[in-house]
Amino acid sequence: MQASLPPSTDEDDLDEGPSACVMVFNANDASGAGGITADLTAIASVGAHALPVITGAYARDTAEVYDHFPFDDEAVTEQARTILEDIPVQVFKVGFVGTPENLSAVAELASDYADVPLVAYMPDLSWWQEDQTDLYLDAYNELLLPQTTVLVGNHSTLSRWLLPDWSSEQSPSAQDIAKAANEFGVPYTLVTGIPLPEQFIDNVLCTPDAILCSHKFERFEAVFCGAGDTLSAAVAALIASGSELAEAVTESLSYLDRCLESGFRPGMGNVLPDRLFWAHPETDDESEESTFEISPNATRH
């Protein structure tokens, strides 16, 4: 679908700006750690334009999630369809949408625009009630995974979800997780936070049959909020801008690493990625202290 210009507009007079548009479905996060805020800032930071569809709102601070208040599926659908009739979208990015009904609404939209790739990020849902989590994940398996092009998630989150009956003493590999996702129709899976020896973690993009790229980073001695939304939004934006998938993942992981390296603690909880690190003035004092205090007991990248 192509949007036509008004008859009186001279195309040469248009201001230059991002030509790639990403429609994001996510909840509002008042802390600014993740959710729609992470999507907007990460997508803009890597040079694309975000079209945010709000699916609900978290009640949370920088330490933990306390509750979530979903929009109804009609509100989600109306937001999305109104924009889709106006602006061509290159990629869909889906975060936490709150209810099986909203998953159904997003899946129906994705089915109607089947030529648009969909990047889905599964956050940690351990804060939620178990019965709600089970209903949500069952609906995700049935409705959204068959529409998903790239699934993004932390190794522990994806393992617990997709391989609940894993019995081996050795933890599942990225390809094991990709095979489980592929049973629902997902061709590509990006598994993050895979523990490695000597305080390193691995991040692997793979199919059930092959590892497409793998990038190792040293683990930060801090607990972060919003890393997964940041990474998946950047991947979606770079795909929308024309990058090949493995290249988009490589660049997005490097971007996230810089965001975490420049992380800051605005409140009394965890550290937030600085998704606009590049916009701050440089300092000549190379010995300047880190922008966040290291937590002695927590090690999460």
Protein backbone atom coordinates (compact mmCIF):
# COMPACT_ATOMS: atom_id res chain seq x y z
CA MET A 1 0.00 0.00 0.00
CA GLN A 2 1.44 3.37 -1.00
CA ALA A 3 0.28 6.70 0.37
CA SER A 4 -0.17 9.35 -2.32
CA LEU A 5 0.97 12.94 -1.92
CA PRO A 6 -1.54 15.81 -1.87
CA PRO A 7 -1.90 17.24 -5.38
CA SER A 8 -0.40 20.60 -4.42
CA THR A 9 2.76 19.19 -2.83
CA ASP A 10 6.07 19.34 -4.67
CA GLU A 11 7.97 16.18 -3.70
CA ASP A 12 11.29 18.02 -4.04
CA ASP A 13 10.22 20.44 -1.29
CA LEU A 14 9.62 17.72 1.28
CA ASP A 15 11.95 17.73 4.27
CA GLU A 16 14.30 14.80 4.36
CA GLY A 17 13.56 12.35 7.17
CA PRO A 18 13.32 8.66 7.97
CA SER A 19 11.77 6.74 5.09
CA ALA A 20 11.41 3.47 7.01
CA CYS A 21 8.38 3.14 9.28
CA VAL A 22 7.96 0.58 12.07
CA MET A 23 4.56 0.00 13.66
CA VAL A 24 5.09 -0.98 17.29
CA PHE A 25 2.54 -2.63 19.57
CA ASN A 26 3.50 -2.25 23.22
CA ALA A 27 2.40 -1.06 26.64
CA ASN A 28 3.28 2.32 28.09
CA ASP A 29 5.96 2.19 30.78
CA ALA A 30 5.87 5.28 32.98
CA SER A 31 9.41 4.61 34.23
CA GLY A 32 10.78 5.04 30.71
CA ALA A 33 12.70 1.78 31.06
CA GLY A 34 10.95 -0.32 28.45
CA GLY A 35 7.63 -0.60 26.68
CA ILE A 36 6.66 1.96 24.09
CA THR A 37 9.27 4.47 25.34
CA ALA A 38 12.09 2.05 24.57
CA ASP A 39 10.61 1.39 21.14
CA LEU A 40 10.30 5.06 20.24
CA THR A 41 13.77 6.11 21.35
CA ALA A 42 15.59 3.07 19.94
CA ILE A 43 13.83 3.22 16.57
CA ALA A 44 14.49 6.94 16.22
CA SER A 45 18.08 6.49 17.38
CA VAL A 46 18.91 4.07 14.56
CA GLY A 47 17.21 6.20 11.92
CA ALA A 48 13.65 4.98 11.38
CA HIS A 49 10.20 6.35 12.24
CA ALA A 50 8.04 4.68 14.90
CA LEU A 51 4.27 4.38 14.64
CA PRO A 52 3.28 3.56 18.25
CA VAL A 53 0.12 1.61 18.99
CA ILE A 54 -0.50 1.63 22.74
CA THR A 55 -1.88 -1.68 24.01
CA GLY A 56 -2.09 -0.80 27.70
CA ALA A 57 -0.03 0.59 30.56
CA TYR A 58 2.27 -0.82 33.23
CA ALA A 59 2.13 0.22 36.86
CA ARG A 60 5.81 -0.09 37.63
CA ASP A 61 8.93 1.65 38.84
CA THR A 62 12.56 1.07 37.92
CA ALA A 63 12.76 -1.96 40.23
CA GLU A 64 9.70 -4.07 39.38
CA VAL A 65 6.34 -4.37 37.66
CA TYR A 66 3.31 -4.21 39.97
CA ASP A 67 0.41 -4.40 37.54
CA HIS A 68 -0.73 -3.92 33.96
CA PHE A 69 -3.89 -2.29 32.62
CA PRO A 70 -4.71 -3.41 29.06
CA PHE A 71 -6.64 -1.55 26.40
CA ASP A 72 -9.44 -3.51 24.78
CA ASP A 73 -8.75 -5.12 21.43
CA GLU A 74 -11.03 -2.72 19.53
CA ALA A 75 -8.96 0.27 20.69
CA VAL A 76 -5.77 -1.49 19.57
CA THR A 77 -7.24 -2.37 16.18
CA GLU A 78 -8.59 1.12 15.52
CA GLN A 79 -5.26 2.76 16.35
CA ALA A 80 -3.41 0.46 13.96
CA ARG A 81 -5.82 0.38 11.03
CA THR A 82 -6.18 4.16 10.97
CA ILE A 83 -2.42 4.57 10.48
CA LEU A 84 -2.07 1.59 8.14
CA GLU A 85 -4.53 3.25 5.75
CA ASP A 86 -2.32 6.36 5.70
CA ILE A 87 1.33 5.30 6.00
CA PRO A 88 3.19 2.36 4.41
CA VAL A 89 4.75 0.21 7.11
CA GLN A 90 7.96 -1.77 6.53
CA VAL A 91 8.01 -3.82 9.76
CA PHE A 92 5.75 -4.68 12.70
CA LYS A 93 7.34 -4.89 16.15
CA VAL A 94 5.35 -6.51 18.95
CA GLY A 95 6.16 -6.21 22.65
CA PHE A 96 3.84 -6.96 25.56
CA VAL A 97 0.20 -6.46 24.53
CA GLY A 98 -1.48 -7.63 27.72
CA THR A 99 -4.31 -9.98 26.74
CA PRO A 100 -5.09 -12.91 24.43
CA GLU A 101 -7.68 -10.65 22.76
CA ASN A 102 -5.02 -8.09 21.91
CA LEU A 103 -2.76 -10.85 20.59
CA SER A 104 -5.63 -11.92 18.35
CA ALA A 105 -6.09 -8.34 17.12
CA VAL A 106 -2.39 -7.97 16.30
CA ALA A 107 -2.28 -11.38 14.61
CA GLU A 108 -5.26 -10.46 12.43
CA LEU A 109 -3.57 -7.21 11.38
CA ALA A 110 -0.35 -9.07 10.62
CA SER A 111 -2.28 -11.60 8.54
CA ASP A 112 -3.89 -8.80 6.53
CA TYR A 113 -0.40 -7.39 5.84
CA ALA A 114 1.35 -10.72 5.40
CA ASP A 115 4.18 -9.24 3.33
CA VAL A 116 5.31 -7.07 6.27
CA PRO A 117 7.92 -8.80 8.52
CA LEU A 118 7.04 -9.08 12.20
CA VAL A 119 9.62 -8.89 15.00
CA ALA A 120 8.22 -10.23 18.29
CA TYR A 121 9.87 -9.73 21.67
CA MET A 122 8.88 -11.87 24.64
CA PRO A 123 9.71 -10.16 27.96
CA ASP A 124 10.06 -11.81 31.34
CA LEU A 125 6.52 -12.31 32.70
CA SER A 126 7.48 -13.66 36.13
CA TRP A 127 5.80 -10.64 37.78
CA TRP A 128 2.39 -11.68 36.42
CA GLN A 129 -0.15 -14.09 37.87
CA GLU A 130 0.48 -17.65 36.70
CA ASP A 131 -2.99 -18.22 35.23
CA GLN A 132 -2.80 -14.99 33.22
CA THR A 133 0.68 -15.88 31.99
CA ASP A 134 -0.46 -19.33 30.85
CA LEU A 135 -3.43 -17.92 28.92
CA TYR A 136 -1.24 -15.28 27.31
CA LEU A 137 1.48 -17.71 26.24
CA ASP A 138 -1.05 -20.23 24.89
CA ALA A 139 -2.60 -17.48 22.76
CA TYR A 140 0.86 -16.34 21.68
CA ASN A 141 1.71 -19.84 20.49
CA GLU A 142 -1.52 -20.24 18.58
CA LEU A 143 -2.02 -16.75 17.17
CA LEU A 144 1.15 -14.69 16.96
CA LEU A 145 4.05 -17.11 16.51
CA PRO A 146 2.66 -18.32 13.15
CA GLN A 147 2.83 -14.66 12.01
CA THR A 148 6.31 -13.99 13.47
CA THR A 149 9.38 -13.54 11.29
CA VAL A 150 11.95 -13.01 14.07
CA LEU A 151 11.40 -14.00 17.70
CA VAL A 152 13.62 -12.20 20.24
CA GLY A 153 14.03 -13.14 23.89
CA ASN A 154 16.36 -13.94 26.74
CA HIS A 155 17.63 -17.51 26.91
CA SER A 156 15.99 -18.28 30.26
CA THR A 157 12.64 -16.72 29.26
CA LEU A 158 12.45 -18.54 25.94
CA SER A 159 13.60 -21.83 27.46
CA ARG A 160 10.93 -21.81 30.17
CA TRP A 161 8.25 -20.88 27.65
CA LEU A 162 9.06 -22.99 24.60
CA LEU A 163 10.76 -25.97 26.29
CA PRO A 164 8.85 -26.43 29.56
CA ASP A 165 9.52 -30.17 29.64
CA TRP A 166 13.28 -29.92 29.02
CA SER A 167 14.85 -32.69 31.11
CA SER A 168 18.52 -32.68 30.14
CA GLU A 169 21.05 -31.51 32.73
CA GLN A 170 22.60 -29.36 30.00
CA SER A 171 20.61 -26.20 29.28
CA PRO A 172 19.06 -25.95 25.81
CA SER A 173 21.09 -24.38 23.05
CA ALA A 174 19.91 -21.48 20.91
CA GLN A 175 19.14 -23.95 18.12
CA ASP A 176 17.08 -26.10 20.49
CA ILE A 177 14.98 -23.02 21.24
CA ALA A 178 14.81 -22.13 17.54
CA LYS A 179 13.54 -25.62 16.74
CA ALA A 180 10.81 -25.28 19.36
CA ALA A 181 9.80 -21.87 17.96
CA ASN A 182 9.85 -23.22 14.44
CA GLU A 183 7.22 -25.81 15.37
CA PHE A 184 4.84 -22.85 15.62
CA GLY A 185 6.09 -21.35 12.34
CA VAL A 186 8.90 -18.99 13.40
CA PRO A 187 11.76 -19.03 10.85
CA TYR A 188 14.34 -16.97 12.83
CA THR A 189 15.05 -16.75 16.56
CA LEU A 190 17.42 -14.37 18.34
CA VAL A 191 18.38 -15.81 21.74
CA THR A 192 20.11 -13.36 24.08
CA GLY A 193 21.89 -13.64 27.41
CA ILE A 194 23.26 -17.17 26.99
CA PRO A 195 25.66 -17.72 29.92
CA LEU A 196 29.29 -18.37 29.05
CA PRO A 197 32.34 -18.93 31.26
CA GLU A 198 34.39 -16.03 32.62
CA GLN A 199 31.53 -13.54 32.92
CA PHE A 200 30.65 -13.47 29.23
CA ILE A 201 27.30 -13.92 27.54
CA ASP A 202 26.45 -14.98 24.02
CA ASN A 203 23.70 -13.77 21.70
CA VAL A 204 22.78 -16.08 18.83
CA LEU A 205 20.60 -15.58 15.75
CA CYS A 206 19.66 -18.93 14.29
CA THR A 207 17.24 -21.09 12.41
CA PRO A 208 16.48 -24.69 13.41
CA ASP A 209 19.25 -25.77 11.04
CA ALA A 210 21.97 -23.11 11.24
CA ILE A 211 23.54 -20.38 13.34
CA LEU A 212 23.43 -17.18 11.27
CA CYS A 213 25.52 -15.06 13.62
CA SER A 214 26.79 -15.13 17.19
CA HIS A 215 28.17 -12.25 19.26
CA LYS A 216 29.81 -12.49 22.66
CA PHE A 217 29.90 -9.62 25.15
CA GLU A 218 31.35 -9.19 28.61
CA ARG A 219 28.65 -9.19 31.26
CA PHE A 220 27.91 -5.88 32.99
CA GLU A 221 27.80 -6.02 36.79
CA ALA A 222 24.42 -4.28 36.96
CA VAL A 223 20.72 -5.08 36.63
CA PHE A 224 19.10 -3.37 33.64
CA CYS A 225 15.48 -2.65 32.72
CA GLY A 226 14.43 -2.32 29.09
CA ALA A 227 17.30 -4.04 27.30
CA GLY A 228 15.09 -6.51 25.40
CA ASP A 229 12.67 -3.91 24.08
CA THR A 230 15.62 -1.75 23.06
CA LEU A 231 17.33 -4.55 21.15
CA SER A 232 14.21 -5.83 19.37
CA ALA A 233 13.13 -2.31 18.39
CA ALA A 234 16.56 -1.60 16.91
CA VAL A 235 16.47 -4.88 14.96
CA ALA A 236 13.03 -4.01 13.59
CA ALA A 237 14.13 -0.50 12.59
CA LEU A 238 17.26 -1.71 10.79
CA ILE A 239 15.30 -4.38 8.91
CA ALA A 240 12.81 -1.69 7.93
CA SER A 241 15.69 0.44 6.67
CA GLY A 242 16.83 -2.34 4.34
CA SER A 243 19.51 -4.14 6.35
CA GLU A 244 19.91 -7.88 5.91
CA LEU A 245 18.81 -9.75 9.04
CA ALA A 246 22.22 -10.88 10.33
CA GLU A 247 23.63 -7.39 9.73
CA ALA A 248 20.66 -5.82 11.52
CA VAL A 249 21.20 -8.09 14.53
CA THR A 250 24.94 -7.40 14.62
CA GLU A 251 24.44 -3.63 14.53
CA SER A 252 21.61 -3.78 17.06
CA LEU A 253 23.69 -5.76 19.56
CA SER A 254 26.52 -3.24 19.23
CA TYR A 255 24.03 -0.42 19.72
CA LEU A 256 22.59 -2.09 22.81
CA ASP A 257 26.06 -2.63 24.25
CA ARG A 258 26.73 1.11 23.97
CA CYS A 259 23.33 1.88 25.51
CA LEU A 260 24.12 -0.33 28.49
CA GLU A 261 27.66 0.98 28.81
CA SER A 262 26.17 4.48 29.11
CA GLY A 263 23.36 3.28 31.38
CA PHE A 264 22.03 5.50 34.16
CA ARG A 265 19.98 5.09 37.31
CA PRO A 266 17.27 7.79 37.47
CA GLY A 267 15.54 6.37 40.54
CA MET A 268 16.15 3.97 43.40
CA GLY A 269 15.80 0.80 41.30
CA ASN A 270 17.66 -0.67 38.37
CA VAL A 271 19.78 0.85 35.61
CA LEU A 272 18.19 2.03 32.35
CA PRO A 273 19.86 1.85 28.94
CA ASP A 274 20.79 5.26 27.56
CA ARG A 275 19.34 4.87 24.08
CA LEU A 276 20.42 8.40 23.13
CA PHE A 277 24.01 8.08 24.34
CA TRP A 278 25.28 9.49 21.05
CA ALA A 279 23.42 12.78 21.55
CA HIS A 280 25.22 13.78 24.75
CA PRO A 281 28.23 16.12 24.62
CA GLU A 282 31.55 14.36 24.94
CA THR A 283 33.67 14.86 28.03
CA ASP A 284 37.45 15.27 28.07
CA ASP A 285 37.71 13.66 31.48
CA GLU A 286 38.33 10.03 30.64
CA SER A 287 38.55 9.21 34.34
CA GLU A 288 34.98 10.36 34.96
CA GLU A 289 33.07 7.88 37.09
CA SER A 290 30.45 5.59 35.59
CA THR A 291 26.96 7.04 35.26
CA PHE A 292 25.58 4.24 37.46
CA GLU A 293 26.72 2.55 40.63
CA ILE A 294 27.50 -1.13 40.22
CA SER A 295 25.26 -3.51 42.11
CA PRO A 296 27.44 -5.99 44.03
CA ASN A 297 24.95 -8.83 43.93
CA ALA A 298 23.35 -8.68 40.49
CA THR A 299 24.86 -9.58 37.13
CA ARG A 300 22.49 -9.23 34.24
CA HIS A 301 23.26 -7.90 30.77
